[in-house]
C-alpha atoms as a PDB file:
ATOM      1  CA  MET A   1     102.399  79.154 105.706  1.00  0.00           C
ATOM      2  CA  SER A   2     100.732  80.221 102.678  1.00  0.00           C
ATOM      3  CA  GLU A   3     101.734  79.190  99.038  1.00  0.00           C
ATOM      4  CA  ALA A   4     100.893  80.265  95.490  1.00  0.00           C
ATOM      5  CA  ARG A   5     102.260  79.773  91.747  1.00  0.00           C
ATOM      6  CA  LEU A   6     102.770  82.517  89.427  1.00  0.00           C
ATOM      7  CA  ARG A   7     103.481  82.488  85.869  1.00  0.00           C
ATOM      8  CA  PHE A   8     104.143  85.184  83.293  1.00  0.00           C
ATOM      9  CA  PRO A   9     103.397  84.532  79.558  1.00  0.00           C
ATOM     10  CA  ALA A  10     105.600  85.952  77.127  1.00  0.00           C
ATOM     11  CA  SER A  11     102.881  88.414  76.036  1.00  0.00           C
ATOM     12  CA  HIS A  12     103.040  90.463  79.146  1.00  0.00           C
ATOM     13  CA  PRO A  13     103.646  93.984  78.467  1.00  0.00           C
ATOM     14  CA  ALA A  14     106.650  94.246  80.946  1.00  0.00           C
ATOM     15  CA  PHE A  15     108.733  92.043  78.411  1.00  0.00           C
ATOM     16  CA  ALA A  16     108.574  94.597  75.775  1.00  0.00           C
ATOM     17  CA  GLY A  17     111.134  96.835  77.618  1.00  0.00           C
ATOM     18  CA  HIS A  18     112.617  94.232  80.076  1.00  0.00           C
ATOM     19  CA  PHE A  19     114.808  93.510  78.220  1.00  0.00           C
ATOM     20  CA  PRO A  20     114.423  93.045  74.439  1.00  0.00           C
ATOM     21  CA  GLY A  21     116.365  90.097  73.321  1.00  0.00           C
ATOM     22  CA  SER A  22     116.676  88.582  76.790  1.00  0.00           C
ATOM     23  CA  PRO A  23     113.287  89.190  78.475  1.00  0.00           C
ATOM     24  CA  MET A  24     112.867  88.855  82.353  1.00  0.00           C
ATOM     25  CA  VAL A  25     110.556  89.678  84.885  1.00  0.00           C
ATOM     26  CA  PRO A  26     111.031  93.041  86.540  1.00  0.00           C
ATOM     27  CA  GLY A  27     111.877  92.670  90.045  1.00  0.00           C
ATOM     28  CA  ALA A  28     109.189  94.918  91.133  1.00  0.00           C
ATOM     29  CA  LEU A  29     106.471  93.119  89.232  1.00  0.00           C
ATOM     30  CA  LEU A  30     107.289  89.585  90.631  1.00  0.00           C
ATOM     31  CA  LEU A  31     107.296  90.710  94.085  1.00  0.00           C
ATOM     32  CA  ALA A  32     103.840  92.490  93.485  1.00  0.00           C
ATOM     33  CA  ALA A  33     102.522  89.735  91.807  1.00  0.00           C
ATOM     34  CA  ALA A  34     103.810  87.190  94.689  1.00  0.00           C
ATOM     35  CA  LEU A  35     102.326  89.612  97.364  1.00  0.00           C
ATOM     36  CA  GLU A  36      99.061  89.950  95.294  1.00  0.00           C
ATOM     37  CA  ALA A  37      98.899  85.981  95.251  1.00  0.00           C
ATOM     38  CA  LEU A  38      99.126  85.509  98.750  1.00  0.00           C
ATOM     39  CA  GLY A  39      96.645  88.072  99.800  1.00  0.00           C
ATOM     40  CA  LEU A  40      99.527  90.179 101.353  1.00  0.00           C
ATOM     41  CA  ALA A  41      99.035  93.353  99.163  1.00  0.00           C
ATOM     42  CA  ARG A  42      98.223  95.385 102.247  1.00  0.00           C
ATOM     43  CA  ALA A  43      99.082  98.780 103.484  1.00  0.00           C
ATOM     44  CA  ASP A  44      99.986  97.342 106.874  1.00  0.00           C
ATOM     45  CA  LEU A  45     102.725  95.405 105.502  1.00  0.00           C
ATOM     46  CA  GLU A  46     106.129  96.652 104.127  1.00  0.00           C
ATOM     47  CA  LEU A  47     108.789  95.459 102.212  1.00  0.00           C
ATOM     48  CA  ALA A  48     111.985  95.389 104.612  1.00  0.00           C
ATOM     49  CA  SER A  49     114.360  93.907 102.127  1.00  0.00           C
ATOM     50  CA  ALA A  50     114.657  91.730  98.983  1.00  0.00           C
ATOM     51  CA  LYS A  51     117.473  89.880  97.327  1.00  0.00           C
ATOM     52  CA  PHE A  52     116.894  88.731  93.544  1.00  0.00           C
ATOM     53  CA  LEU A  53     119.131  85.596  93.004  1.00  0.00           C
ATOM     54  CA  GLN A  54     118.363  84.201  89.390  1.00  0.00           C
ATOM     55  CA  PRO A  55     116.235  85.914  86.526  1.00  0.00           C
ATOM     56  CA  VAL A  56     112.599  84.702  85.761  1.00  0.00           C
ATOM     57  CA  THR A  57     112.030  84.361  82.356  1.00  0.00           C
ATOM     58  CA  PRO A  58     108.648  84.163  80.225  1.00  0.00           C
ATOM     59  CA  ASP A  59     106.542  81.383  80.673  1.00  0.00           C
ATOM     60  CA  THR A  60     108.333  80.111  84.047  1.00  0.00           C
ATOM     61  CA  ASP A  61     106.235  78.729  86.719  1.00  0.00           C
ATOM     62  CA  VAL A  62     107.373  80.213  90.196  1.00  0.00           C
ATOM     63  CA  GLU A  63     106.348  78.707  93.494  1.00  0.00           C
ATOM     64  CA  VAL A  64     105.570  81.614  96.141  1.00  0.00           C
ATOM     65  CA  ARG A  65     105.799  80.684  99.913  1.00  0.00           C
ATOM     66  CA  CYS A  66     105.273  82.955 102.815  1.00  0.00           C
ATOM     67  CA  ILE A  67     106.904  81.460 105.960  1.00  0.00           C
ATOM     68  CA  PRO A  68     105.598  83.458 109.199  1.00  0.00           C
ATOM     69  CA  GLY A  69     108.392  84.778 111.433  1.00  0.00           C
ATOM     70  CA  VAL A  70     108.204  86.496 114.983  1.00  0.00           C
ATOM     71  CA  ALA A  71     106.884  89.885 115.720  1.00  0.00           C
ATOM     72  CA  GLY A  72     104.995  90.764 112.597  1.00  0.00           C
ATOM     73  CA  ALA A  73     107.875  89.563 110.406  1.00  0.00           C
ATOM     74  CA  SER A  74     107.605  86.973 107.416  1.00  0.00           C
ATOM     75  CA  ARG A  75     109.822  85.893 104.818  1.00  0.00           C
ATOM     76  CA  LEU A  76     108.730  85.506 101.145  1.00  0.00           C
ATOM     77  CA  GLU A  77     110.710  82.474  99.053  1.00  0.00           C
ATOM     78  CA  LEU A  78     110.038  82.377  95.328  1.00  0.00           C
ATOM     79  CA  ARG A  79     111.264  79.251  93.464  1.00  0.00           C
ATOM     80  CA  SER A  80     111.437  78.217  90.165  1.00  0.00           C
ATOM     81  CA  ALA A  81     112.198  74.306  89.183  1.00  0.00           C
ATOM     82  CA  GLY A  82     113.238  74.071  92.733  1.00  0.00           C
ATOM     83  CA  ARG A  83     115.434  76.877  92.757  1.00  0.00           C
ATOM     84  CA  LEU A  84     115.621  79.931  94.822  1.00  0.00           C
ATOM     85  CA  VAL A  85     115.128  82.758  92.868  1.00  0.00           C
ATOM     86  CA  ALA A  86     114.204  85.552  94.852  1.00  0.00           C
ATOM     87  CA  THR A  87     113.773  86.345  98.723  1.00  0.00           C
ATOM     88  CA  ALA A  88     112.077  89.042 100.449  1.00  0.00           C
ATOM     89  CA  ALA A  89     111.475  90.163 104.208  1.00  0.00           C
ATOM     90  CA  LEU A  90     107.891  91.537 105.347  1.00  0.00           C
ATOM     91  CA  ARG A  91     107.313  93.325 108.540  1.00  0.00           C
ATOM     92  CA  GLU A  92     104.397  95.145 109.967  1.00  0.00           C
ATOM     93  CA  ALA A  93     104.487  98.838 108.845  1.00  0.00           C
ATOM     94  CA  ARG A  94     105.772 101.113 111.197  1.00  0.00           C
ATOM     95  CA  ALA A  95     103.168 104.020 112.389  1.00  0.00           C
END
């Protein structure tokens, strides 16, 4: 199992348009940063599914955990203050 921490400062450019007055981290940015932090941003992995359960706001700490599964599959769990904010399933890319 591998782990990492993320934090998106309020000055991050994504917050300017997502969403003014009620900023939150875009899901694609959240997952991309999680994969990069864990060293899993590779062409041989694909995202099978993702579920966003709670918004992640500026200056919030996010704990990222990758839990290995069977047959090349893995599960990402992203938590903030102990609460699950997103999950994703990864698998080896199909040829």
